[in-house]
N, C-alpha and C. Protein backbone atom coordinates (compact mmCIF):
# COMPACT_ATOMS: atom_id res chain seq x y z
N MET A 1 0.84 -1.17 0.00
CA MET A 1 0.00 0.00 0.00
C MET A 1 0.88 1.23 0.00
N LEU A 2 0.36 2.30 -0.54
CA LEU A 2 1.10 3.54 -0.70
C LEU A 2 0.56 4.58 0.26
N SER A 3 1.44 5.29 0.95
CA SER A 3 1.05 6.39 1.83
C SER A 3 1.88 7.60 1.47
N LEU A 4 1.30 8.78 1.68
CA LEU A 4 1.99 10.02 1.36
C LEU A 4 2.39 10.74 2.63
N VAL A 5 3.58 11.30 2.63
CA VAL A 5 4.08 12.06 3.77
C VAL A 5 4.55 13.41 3.28
N VAL A 6 4.37 14.44 4.10
CA VAL A 6 4.75 15.77 3.67
C VAL A 6 6.25 15.97 3.79
N SER A 7 6.86 15.47 4.85
CA SER A 7 8.29 15.69 5.06
C SER A 7 9.02 14.38 5.31
N GLU A 8 10.08 14.16 4.55
CA GLU A 8 10.88 12.94 4.72
C GLU A 8 11.59 12.91 6.07
N LYS A 9 12.04 14.05 6.55
CA LYS A 9 12.73 14.11 7.85
C LYS A 9 11.77 13.82 8.99
N VAL A 10 10.57 14.38 8.90
CA VAL A 10 9.58 14.16 9.96
C VAL A 10 9.15 12.70 9.99
N VAL A 11 9.01 12.07 8.83
CA VAL A 11 8.55 10.69 8.80
C VAL A 11 9.57 9.77 9.48
N GLU A 12 10.84 10.04 9.31
CA GLU A 12 11.86 9.21 9.96
C GLU A 12 11.76 9.33 11.48
N ALA A 13 11.59 10.55 11.97
CA ALA A 13 11.45 10.75 13.42
C ALA A 13 10.17 10.12 13.93
N ASP A 14 9.07 10.28 13.18
CA ASP A 14 7.79 9.71 13.59
C ASP A 14 7.82 8.18 13.58
N LEU A 15 8.48 7.58 12.60
CA LEU A 15 8.62 6.12 12.58
C LEU A 15 9.41 5.63 13.78
N ALA A 16 10.50 6.31 14.08
CA ALA A 16 11.34 5.91 15.21
C ALA A 16 10.59 6.00 16.53
N ALA A 17 9.71 7.01 16.65
CA ALA A 17 8.97 7.21 17.89
C ALA A 17 7.65 6.44 17.93
N GLY A 18 7.30 5.75 16.84
CA GLY A 18 6.05 4.99 16.81
C GLY A 18 4.82 5.85 16.66
N ARG A 19 4.98 7.06 16.08
CA ARG A 19 3.85 7.99 15.93
C ARG A 19 3.10 7.84 14.61
N LEU A 20 3.63 7.08 13.65
CA LEU A 20 2.93 6.88 12.38
C LEU A 20 2.04 5.66 12.50
N CYS A 21 0.79 5.81 12.07
CA CYS A 21 -0.18 4.72 12.17
C CYS A 21 -0.45 4.10 10.81
N CYS A 22 -0.72 2.82 10.83
CA CYS A 22 -1.09 2.08 9.62
C CYS A 22 -2.43 2.59 9.11
N PRO A 23 -2.54 2.91 7.82
CA PRO A 23 -3.82 3.35 7.28
C PRO A 23 -4.86 2.23 7.21
N CYS A 24 -4.42 0.99 7.36
CA CYS A 24 -5.36 -0.15 7.30
C CYS A 24 -5.99 -0.46 8.65
N CYS A 25 -5.18 -0.39 9.73
CA CYS A 25 -5.69 -0.83 11.04
C CYS A 25 -5.37 0.12 12.19
N ASP A 26 -4.68 1.21 11.92
CA ASP A 26 -4.27 2.19 12.93
C ASP A 26 -3.19 1.68 13.88
N GLY A 27 -2.58 0.54 13.57
CA GLY A 27 -1.46 0.06 14.37
C GLY A 27 -0.23 0.90 14.11
N PRO A 28 0.76 0.89 15.01
CA PRO A 28 1.97 1.68 14.80
C PRO A 28 2.83 1.08 13.68
N LEU A 29 3.35 1.94 12.84
CA LEU A 29 4.23 1.49 11.75
C LEU A 29 5.68 1.45 12.23
N ALA A 30 6.43 0.51 11.67
CA ALA A 30 7.86 0.38 11.96
C ALA A 30 8.64 0.42 10.66
N ARG A 31 9.90 0.81 10.73
CA ARG A 31 10.74 0.86 9.54
C ARG A 31 10.84 -0.53 8.92
N TRP A 32 10.90 -0.56 7.57
CA TRP A 32 10.97 -1.84 6.85
C TRP A 32 11.83 -1.66 5.60
N GLY A 33 12.95 -1.01 5.74
CA GLY A 33 13.85 -0.83 4.61
C GLY A 33 13.40 0.26 3.66
N TYR A 34 13.77 0.08 2.39
CA TYR A 34 13.47 1.10 1.38
C TYR A 34 12.92 0.44 0.12
N ALA A 35 12.13 1.19 -0.62
CA ALA A 35 11.66 0.76 -1.94
C ALA A 35 12.76 1.04 -2.94
N ARG A 36 12.55 0.62 -4.17
CA ARG A 36 13.58 0.84 -5.19
C ARG A 36 13.80 2.33 -5.46
N GLU A 37 15.02 2.65 -5.80
CA GLU A 37 15.37 4.03 -6.12
C GLU A 37 14.76 4.42 -7.46
N ARG A 38 14.35 5.66 -7.58
CA ARG A 38 13.79 6.15 -8.84
C ARG A 38 14.18 7.60 -9.06
N GLN A 39 14.11 8.02 -10.30
CA GLN A 39 14.43 9.40 -10.67
C GLN A 39 13.12 10.15 -10.92
N ILE A 40 12.97 11.31 -10.31
CA ILE A 40 11.79 12.15 -10.47
C ILE A 40 12.22 13.42 -11.18
N ARG A 41 11.52 13.76 -12.26
CA ARG A 41 11.84 14.97 -13.02
C ARG A 41 11.21 16.18 -12.33
N THR A 42 12.03 17.22 -12.12
CA THR A 42 11.57 18.47 -11.54
C THR A 42 11.91 19.60 -12.50
N ARG A 43 11.52 20.80 -12.16
CA ARG A 43 11.87 21.96 -13.00
C ARG A 43 13.38 22.15 -13.06
N ALA A 44 14.07 21.80 -11.99
CA ALA A 44 15.51 22.00 -11.90
C ALA A 44 16.32 20.82 -12.43
N GLY A 45 15.67 19.77 -12.87
CA GLY A 45 16.37 18.57 -13.34
C GLY A 45 15.85 17.35 -12.60
N GLU A 46 16.59 16.26 -12.66
CA GLU A 46 16.14 15.03 -12.01
C GLU A 46 16.57 15.01 -10.54
N ARG A 47 15.71 14.41 -9.75
CA ARG A 47 15.96 14.27 -8.31
C ARG A 47 15.80 12.79 -7.96
N THR A 48 16.75 12.26 -7.21
CA THR A 48 16.71 10.85 -6.83
C THR A 48 15.81 10.66 -5.62
N LEU A 49 15.00 9.63 -5.69
CA LEU A 49 14.10 9.30 -4.60
C LEU A 49 14.24 7.82 -4.26
N ARG A 50 14.45 7.55 -3.01
CA ARG A 50 14.45 6.17 -2.50
C ARG A 50 13.47 6.13 -1.34
N PRO A 51 12.21 5.82 -1.62
CA PRO A 51 11.17 5.92 -0.60
C PRO A 51 11.36 4.93 0.55
N ARG A 52 11.01 5.38 1.71
CA ARG A 52 11.04 4.56 2.92
C ARG A 52 9.88 3.56 2.86
N ARG A 53 10.12 2.35 3.30
CA ARG A 53 9.05 1.35 3.46
C ARG A 53 8.77 1.22 4.95
N ALA A 54 7.52 0.90 5.27
CA ALA A 54 7.13 0.69 6.66
C ALA A 54 6.29 -0.58 6.74
N HIS A 55 6.28 -1.19 7.90
CA HIS A 55 5.57 -2.44 8.15
C HIS A 55 4.69 -2.27 9.37
N CYS A 56 3.49 -2.83 9.31
CA CYS A 56 2.60 -2.82 10.47
C CYS A 56 2.63 -4.20 11.12
N PRO A 57 3.19 -4.32 12.31
CA PRO A 57 3.23 -5.62 12.98
C PRO A 57 1.83 -6.16 13.32
N ARG A 58 0.87 -5.26 13.48
CA ARG A 58 -0.48 -5.69 13.87
C ARG A 58 -1.20 -6.42 12.73
N CYS A 59 -1.23 -5.81 11.53
CA CYS A 59 -1.99 -6.43 10.43
C CYS A 59 -1.10 -7.05 9.36
N GLY A 60 0.22 -6.81 9.44
CA GLY A 60 1.15 -7.41 8.49
C GLY A 60 1.30 -6.67 7.16
N GLN A 61 0.59 -5.57 6.99
CA GLN A 61 0.69 -4.80 5.74
C GLN A 61 2.02 -4.04 5.69
N THR A 62 2.56 -3.91 4.47
CA THR A 62 3.71 -3.04 4.27
C THR A 62 3.25 -1.84 3.46
N HIS A 63 3.95 -0.74 3.63
CA HIS A 63 3.57 0.52 2.99
C HIS A 63 4.82 1.20 2.44
N VAL A 64 4.67 1.84 1.30
CA VAL A 64 5.71 2.70 0.75
C VAL A 64 5.31 4.12 1.12
N LEU A 65 6.21 4.83 1.79
CA LEU A 65 5.94 6.18 2.24
C LEU A 65 6.58 7.16 1.26
N LEU A 66 5.77 7.70 0.38
CA LEU A 66 6.26 8.63 -0.63
C LEU A 66 6.20 10.05 -0.12
N PRO A 67 7.24 10.85 -0.37
CA PRO A 67 7.15 12.26 -0.02
C PRO A 67 6.16 12.96 -0.96
N ALA A 68 5.49 13.97 -0.46
CA ALA A 68 4.44 14.63 -1.24
C ALA A 68 4.99 15.45 -2.41
N TRP A 69 6.31 15.61 -2.52
CA TRP A 69 6.84 16.31 -3.68
C TRP A 69 6.87 15.41 -4.91
N SER A 70 6.55 14.13 -4.71
CA SER A 70 6.43 13.21 -5.84
C SER A 70 4.99 12.71 -5.91
N VAL A 71 4.49 12.51 -7.10
CA VAL A 71 3.12 12.04 -7.30
C VAL A 71 3.16 10.54 -7.54
N PRO A 72 2.35 9.77 -6.80
CA PRO A 72 2.37 8.31 -6.98
C PRO A 72 2.18 7.90 -8.44
N ARG A 73 2.98 6.94 -8.85
CA ARG A 73 2.93 6.35 -10.18
C ARG A 73 3.25 7.34 -11.32
N ARG A 74 3.92 8.42 -10.99
CA ARG A 74 4.33 9.40 -12.01
C ARG A 74 5.81 9.67 -11.86
N ARG A 75 6.44 9.95 -12.97
CA ARG A 75 7.87 10.22 -12.97
C ARG A 75 8.17 11.71 -12.84
N ASP A 76 7.13 12.54 -12.88
CA ASP A 76 7.31 13.98 -12.77
C ASP A 76 6.88 14.45 -11.39
N SER A 77 7.46 15.55 -10.97
CA SER A 77 7.25 16.05 -9.60
C SER A 77 5.89 16.73 -9.44
N THR A 78 5.54 16.90 -8.20
CA THR A 78 4.30 17.59 -7.83
C THR A 78 4.23 18.97 -8.43
N GLU A 79 5.34 19.72 -8.39
CA GLU A 79 5.33 21.09 -8.88
C GLU A 79 5.04 21.14 -10.39
N LEU A 80 5.56 20.18 -11.17
CA LEU A 80 5.30 20.17 -12.60
C LEU A 80 3.84 19.82 -12.90
N ILE A 81 3.34 18.78 -12.26
CA ILE A 81 1.96 18.37 -12.51
C ILE A 81 1.00 19.43 -12.00
N GLY A 82 1.31 20.01 -10.84
CA GLY A 82 0.48 21.09 -10.31
C GLY A 82 0.44 22.30 -11.23
N ALA A 83 1.58 22.65 -11.81
CA ALA A 83 1.62 23.77 -12.75
C ALA A 83 0.75 23.49 -13.97
N ALA A 84 0.75 22.24 -14.42
CA ALA A 84 -0.10 21.86 -15.56
C ALA A 84 -1.58 21.97 -15.20
N LEU A 85 -1.95 21.52 -14.00
CA LEU A 85 -3.35 21.60 -13.57
C LEU A 85 -3.80 23.05 -13.43
N LEU A 86 -2.95 23.87 -12.87
CA LEU A 86 -3.28 25.29 -12.72
C LEU A 86 -3.44 25.96 -14.08
N ALA A 87 -2.54 25.66 -15.01
CA ALA A 87 -2.64 26.24 -16.35
C ALA A 87 -3.92 25.79 -17.05
N LYS A 88 -4.28 24.53 -16.89
CA LYS A 88 -5.52 24.02 -17.50
C LYS A 88 -6.73 24.71 -16.89
N ALA A 89 -6.71 24.91 -15.57
CA ALA A 89 -7.81 25.61 -14.90
C ALA A 89 -7.94 27.05 -15.39
N GLN A 90 -6.83 27.62 -15.86
CA GLN A 90 -6.84 28.98 -16.38
C GLN A 90 -7.18 29.02 -17.87
N GLY A 91 -7.47 27.85 -18.45
CA GLY A 91 -7.94 27.80 -19.83
C GLY A 91 -6.93 27.41 -20.89
N HIS A 92 -5.73 27.06 -20.51
CA HIS A 92 -4.71 26.68 -21.49
C HIS A 92 -4.92 25.23 -21.94
N GLY A 93 -4.52 24.93 -23.16
CA GLY A 93 -4.62 23.58 -23.69
C GLY A 93 -3.40 22.74 -23.34
N HIS A 94 -3.53 21.42 -23.50
CA HIS A 94 -2.44 20.53 -23.09
C HIS A 94 -1.17 20.73 -23.91
N ARG A 95 -1.30 21.09 -25.18
CA ARG A 95 -0.09 21.29 -26.00
C ARG A 95 0.69 22.53 -25.55
N THR A 96 -0.02 23.60 -25.27
CA THR A 96 0.62 24.83 -24.78
C THR A 96 1.31 24.57 -23.45
N ILE A 97 0.63 23.86 -22.57
CA ILE A 97 1.20 23.54 -21.25
C ILE A 97 2.44 22.66 -21.42
N ALA A 98 2.37 21.70 -22.32
CA ALA A 98 3.50 20.80 -22.55
C ALA A 98 4.74 21.56 -23.00
N VAL A 99 4.56 22.50 -23.91
CA VAL A 99 5.69 23.30 -24.38
C VAL A 99 6.27 24.13 -23.23
N GLU A 100 5.38 24.73 -22.44
CA GLU A 100 5.83 25.55 -21.32
C GLU A 100 6.62 24.75 -20.28
N LEU A 101 6.20 23.51 -20.05
CA LEU A 101 6.85 22.67 -19.03
C LEU A 101 7.96 21.79 -19.60
N GLY A 102 8.10 21.75 -20.92
CA GLY A 102 9.13 20.92 -21.53
C GLY A 102 8.86 19.44 -21.42
N ARG A 103 7.59 19.06 -21.48
CA ARG A 103 7.17 17.66 -21.39
C ARG A 103 6.40 17.29 -22.65
N PRO A 104 6.34 16.01 -23.00
CA PRO A 104 5.57 15.59 -24.17
C PRO A 104 4.08 15.92 -23.97
N ALA A 105 3.43 16.29 -25.06
CA ALA A 105 2.01 16.62 -24.99
C ALA A 105 1.18 15.44 -24.49
N SER A 106 1.56 14.23 -24.87
CA SER A 106 0.81 13.05 -24.42
C SER A 106 0.92 12.86 -22.91
N THR A 107 2.06 13.19 -22.33
CA THR A 107 2.24 13.09 -20.88
C THR A 107 1.33 14.08 -20.17
N VAL A 108 1.34 15.32 -20.62
CA VAL A 108 0.51 16.36 -20.00
C VAL A 108 -0.96 16.02 -20.17
N ARG A 109 -1.34 15.57 -21.35
CA ARG A 109 -2.74 15.17 -21.58
C ARG A 109 -3.14 14.05 -20.62
N GLY A 110 -2.24 13.10 -20.36
CA GLY A 110 -2.51 12.02 -19.42
C GLY A 110 -2.74 12.54 -18.00
N TRP A 111 -1.91 13.50 -17.56
CA TRP A 111 -2.11 14.09 -16.24
C TRP A 111 -3.48 14.73 -16.14
N LEU A 112 -3.80 15.53 -17.15
CA LEU A 112 -5.07 16.28 -17.13
C LEU A 112 -6.27 15.35 -17.15
N ARG A 113 -6.20 14.31 -17.93
CA ARG A 113 -7.31 13.35 -17.99
C ARG A 113 -7.45 12.59 -16.67
N ALA A 114 -6.32 12.17 -16.10
CA ALA A 114 -6.38 11.44 -14.82
C ALA A 114 -6.98 12.31 -13.73
N PHE A 115 -6.59 13.57 -13.69
CA PHE A 115 -7.14 14.47 -12.67
C PHE A 115 -8.61 14.76 -12.94
N ALA A 116 -8.97 14.95 -14.19
CA ALA A 116 -10.37 15.24 -14.54
C ALA A 116 -11.29 14.11 -14.10
N ARG A 117 -10.83 12.85 -14.20
CA ARG A 117 -11.64 11.71 -13.77
C ARG A 117 -11.93 11.74 -12.27
N ARG A 118 -11.05 12.33 -11.51
CA ARG A 118 -11.18 12.37 -10.05
C ARG A 118 -11.61 13.73 -9.53
N ALA A 119 -11.79 14.70 -10.40
CA ALA A 119 -11.97 16.09 -9.99
C ALA A 119 -13.12 16.29 -9.00
N THR A 120 -14.25 15.68 -9.23
CA THR A 120 -15.39 15.88 -8.34
C THR A 120 -15.10 15.34 -6.95
N ARG A 121 -14.49 14.16 -6.87
CA ARG A 121 -14.15 13.58 -5.56
C ARG A 121 -13.06 14.40 -4.86
N VAL A 122 -12.09 14.87 -5.62
CA VAL A 122 -11.02 15.69 -5.05
C VAL A 122 -11.59 17.00 -4.51
N ALA A 123 -12.46 17.64 -5.27
CA ALA A 123 -13.07 18.90 -4.83
C ALA A 123 -13.88 18.68 -3.55
N SER A 124 -14.63 17.61 -3.50
CA SER A 124 -15.44 17.30 -2.32
C SER A 124 -14.56 17.10 -1.09
N ALA A 125 -13.51 16.32 -1.23
CA ALA A 125 -12.59 16.09 -0.11
C ALA A 125 -11.90 17.39 0.31
N ALA A 126 -11.49 18.20 -0.65
CA ALA A 126 -10.84 19.47 -0.34
C ALA A 126 -11.79 20.40 0.41
N ARG A 127 -13.05 20.41 0.02
CA ARG A 127 -14.03 21.25 0.73
C ARG A 127 -14.26 20.76 2.15
N LEU A 128 -14.25 19.44 2.34
CA LEU A 128 -14.37 18.90 3.70
C LEU A 128 -13.18 19.32 4.56
N TRP A 129 -11.97 19.25 3.98
CA TRP A 129 -10.79 19.70 4.71
C TRP A 129 -10.91 21.17 5.06
N THR A 130 -11.34 21.99 4.11
CA THR A 130 -11.47 23.42 4.35
C THR A 130 -12.46 23.67 5.49
N HIS A 131 -13.60 23.00 5.44
CA HIS A 131 -14.61 23.17 6.49
C HIS A 131 -14.08 22.71 7.85
N ALA A 132 -13.32 21.61 7.87
CA ALA A 132 -12.76 21.12 9.13
C ALA A 132 -11.75 22.11 9.72
N LEU A 133 -11.03 22.81 8.86
CA LEU A 133 -10.03 23.77 9.32
C LEU A 133 -10.63 25.13 9.66
N ASP A 134 -11.69 25.52 8.94
CA ASP A 134 -12.35 26.81 9.16
C ASP A 134 -13.80 26.71 8.72
N ALA A 135 -14.67 26.46 9.68
CA ALA A 135 -16.09 26.26 9.37
C ALA A 135 -16.75 27.51 8.80
N SER A 136 -16.14 28.68 8.99
CA SER A 136 -16.75 29.91 8.46
C SER A 136 -16.42 30.15 6.99
N GLN A 137 -15.52 29.35 6.45
CA GLN A 137 -15.10 29.51 5.05
C GLN A 137 -16.28 29.23 4.12
N GLU A 138 -16.58 30.17 3.23
CA GLU A 138 -17.68 29.99 2.29
C GLU A 138 -17.22 29.20 1.08
N ARG A 139 -18.15 28.44 0.53
CA ARG A 139 -17.85 27.64 -0.65
C ARG A 139 -17.70 28.57 -1.86
N ALA A 140 -16.68 28.31 -2.66
CA ALA A 140 -16.43 29.12 -3.85
C ALA A 140 -17.53 28.90 -4.88
N VAL A 141 -17.75 29.90 -5.71
CA VAL A 141 -18.72 29.79 -6.79
C VAL A 141 -18.17 28.81 -7.83
N GLU A 142 -19.00 27.87 -8.23
CA GLU A 142 -18.57 26.87 -9.21
C GLU A 142 -18.47 27.49 -10.59
N THR A 143 -17.46 27.05 -11.35
CA THR A 143 -17.20 27.62 -12.67
C THR A 143 -17.86 26.85 -13.79
N GLY A 144 -18.34 25.65 -13.51
CA GLY A 144 -18.89 24.80 -14.55
C GLY A 144 -17.87 23.80 -15.07
N SER A 145 -16.62 23.94 -14.67
CA SER A 145 -15.57 23.00 -15.03
C SER A 145 -15.16 22.24 -13.77
N ALA A 146 -15.36 20.93 -13.77
CA ALA A 146 -15.02 20.13 -12.59
C ALA A 146 -13.53 20.25 -12.28
N LEU A 147 -12.68 20.28 -13.30
CA LEU A 147 -11.25 20.39 -13.08
C LEU A 147 -10.91 21.73 -12.44
N SER A 148 -11.45 22.83 -12.95
CA SER A 148 -11.18 24.16 -12.38
C SER A 148 -11.70 24.26 -10.97
N ASP A 149 -12.89 23.71 -10.72
CA ASP A 149 -13.46 23.75 -9.37
C ASP A 149 -12.59 22.96 -8.39
N ALA A 150 -12.06 21.82 -8.83
CA ALA A 150 -11.21 21.01 -7.96
C ALA A 150 -9.89 21.71 -7.66
N VAL A 151 -9.30 22.35 -8.66
CA VAL A 151 -8.05 23.09 -8.45
C VAL A 151 -8.29 24.23 -7.47
N GLU A 152 -9.40 24.94 -7.64
CA GLU A 152 -9.75 26.03 -6.72
C GLU A 152 -9.96 25.51 -5.30
N ALA A 153 -10.72 24.42 -5.16
CA ALA A 153 -10.99 23.84 -3.83
C ALA A 153 -9.69 23.39 -3.16
N LEU A 154 -8.78 22.79 -3.93
CA LEU A 154 -7.49 22.39 -3.37
C LEU A 154 -6.68 23.61 -2.93
N GLY A 155 -6.75 24.67 -3.72
CA GLY A 155 -6.04 25.90 -3.35
C GLY A 155 -6.52 26.47 -2.03
N VAL A 156 -7.83 26.50 -1.85
CA VAL A 156 -8.40 27.01 -0.60
C VAL A 156 -8.02 26.10 0.57
N ALA A 157 -8.14 24.79 0.38
CA ALA A 157 -7.81 23.84 1.45
C ALA A 157 -6.34 23.92 1.84
N THR A 158 -5.46 24.01 0.86
CA THR A 158 -4.03 24.07 1.19
C THR A 158 -3.69 25.39 1.88
N ARG A 159 -4.32 26.48 1.45
CA ARG A 159 -4.09 27.77 2.12
C ARG A 159 -4.52 27.69 3.58
N GLU A 160 -5.68 27.11 3.83
CA GLU A 160 -6.17 26.96 5.21
C GLU A 160 -5.25 26.06 6.03
N ALA A 161 -4.77 24.98 5.44
CA ALA A 161 -3.87 24.08 6.16
C ALA A 161 -2.57 24.80 6.52
N ARG A 162 -2.09 25.60 5.62
CA ARG A 162 -0.86 26.34 5.90
C ARG A 162 -1.08 27.40 6.98
N LEU A 163 -2.21 28.11 6.91
CA LEU A 163 -2.51 29.15 7.88
C LEU A 163 -2.85 28.58 9.26
N ARG A 164 -3.74 27.62 9.29
CA ARG A 164 -4.28 27.12 10.56
C ARG A 164 -3.35 26.13 11.25
N LEU A 165 -2.64 25.33 10.48
CA LEU A 165 -1.80 24.29 11.07
C LEU A 165 -0.31 24.64 11.06
N GLY A 166 0.04 25.73 10.37
CA GLY A 166 1.44 26.14 10.31
C GLY A 166 2.31 25.22 9.49
N ILE A 167 1.71 24.49 8.56
CA ILE A 167 2.48 23.58 7.72
C ILE A 167 3.27 24.39 6.70
N ARG A 168 4.54 24.09 6.57
CA ARG A 168 5.41 24.87 5.70
C ARG A 168 5.60 24.26 4.31
N ALA A 169 4.98 23.15 4.04
CA ALA A 169 5.13 22.50 2.74
C ALA A 169 4.53 23.39 1.65
N GLY A 170 4.99 23.17 0.42
CA GLY A 170 4.46 23.91 -0.70
C GLY A 170 3.00 23.56 -0.95
N PRO A 171 2.27 24.44 -1.63
CA PRO A 171 0.85 24.20 -1.85
C PRO A 171 0.55 22.92 -2.63
N TRP A 172 1.35 22.60 -3.63
CA TRP A 172 1.08 21.38 -4.40
C TRP A 172 1.46 20.13 -3.62
N GLU A 173 2.45 20.23 -2.73
CA GLU A 173 2.76 19.10 -1.86
C GLU A 173 1.58 18.82 -0.93
N LEU A 174 1.00 19.87 -0.37
CA LEU A 174 -0.17 19.69 0.48
C LEU A 174 -1.35 19.17 -0.34
N ALA A 175 -1.50 19.65 -1.55
CA ALA A 175 -2.59 19.18 -2.42
C ALA A 175 -2.46 17.68 -2.68
N VAL A 176 -1.25 17.20 -2.87
CA VAL A 176 -1.03 15.76 -3.06
C VAL A 176 -1.45 15.00 -1.82
N ALA A 177 -1.05 15.49 -0.64
CA ALA A 177 -1.40 14.82 0.61
C ALA A 177 -2.91 14.85 0.85
N LEU A 178 -3.56 15.98 0.63
CA LEU A 178 -4.99 16.11 0.88
C LEU A 178 -5.84 15.32 -0.11
N SER A 179 -5.33 15.17 -1.33
CA SER A 179 -6.10 14.49 -2.37
C SER A 179 -5.77 13.01 -2.47
N GLY A 180 -4.89 12.54 -1.63
CA GLY A 180 -4.53 11.12 -1.66
C GLY A 180 -3.72 10.74 -2.88
N GLY A 181 -2.99 11.69 -3.45
CA GLY A 181 -2.13 11.38 -4.57
C GLY A 181 -2.34 12.23 -5.80
N LEU A 182 -3.29 13.14 -5.80
CA LEU A 182 -3.58 14.08 -6.87
C LEU A 182 -4.18 13.41 -8.10
N LEU A 183 -3.48 12.43 -8.67
CA LEU A 183 -3.95 11.79 -9.90
C LEU A 183 -4.44 10.37 -9.70
N VAL A 184 -4.13 9.78 -8.53
CA VAL A 184 -4.50 8.39 -8.26
C VAL A 184 -5.02 8.26 -6.83
N GLY A 185 -5.62 7.14 -6.52
CA GLY A 185 -6.03 6.86 -5.15
C GLY A 185 -7.31 7.57 -4.75
N ASP A 186 -7.69 7.36 -3.49
CA ASP A 186 -8.88 7.99 -2.95
C ASP A 186 -8.51 9.29 -2.26
N PRO A 187 -9.31 10.34 -2.48
CA PRO A 187 -9.02 11.60 -1.81
C PRO A 187 -9.08 11.42 -0.29
N SER A 188 -8.18 12.08 0.38
CA SER A 188 -8.13 12.01 1.84
C SER A 188 -9.25 12.83 2.45
N ARG A 189 -9.75 12.35 3.55
CA ARG A 189 -10.79 13.07 4.27
C ARG A 189 -10.26 13.47 5.63
N PRO A 190 -10.69 14.61 6.15
CA PRO A 190 -10.20 15.03 7.46
C PRO A 190 -10.70 14.11 8.55
N PRO A 191 -10.02 14.08 9.69
CA PRO A 191 -10.46 13.24 10.80
C PRO A 191 -11.90 13.59 11.20
N GLY A 192 -12.68 12.59 11.50
CA GLY A 192 -14.05 12.82 11.95
C GLY A 192 -15.08 12.83 10.83
N TYR A 193 -14.64 12.69 9.57
CA TYR A 193 -15.58 12.70 8.45
C TYR A 193 -15.71 11.33 7.87
């Protein structure tokens, strides 16, 4: 199973102290080596990633703990995919975005399609997070585009998380964590929902 973490340094300390819980059974996770090394493309070039693995002694599940600067099952970083989603929400086409980001048009089109398939669920989860962090926050006016609405909802949720919780991660890193992977997986819901 795959889990997302905002900070690689914090996850190591939390694993050592037994503060990370298994998403399957809530048992404490323990270190379990590393997953295979991979290269992630960023705006600045390639970055090496060797994700931490964790094991739950209670249920026997193992988990790969990916940092939120990488998107599960993608070779490109959160910042690149986030920039593409933001550009699409602003009305740009996939070919224009691809040229701007220096990626193949088919790759960018794949990101946009994957996110569009999940956009309604992502927007709903982001709105729940926003409400959990600030119940007085009003819902944004819908634009008629599920993708644009989801990008807007993620923006509001990440802003609230940064303001209310003091999280210093970048907005797209938080968006990956809140959405359960941005392009894959189930959107995360706040505690109590």
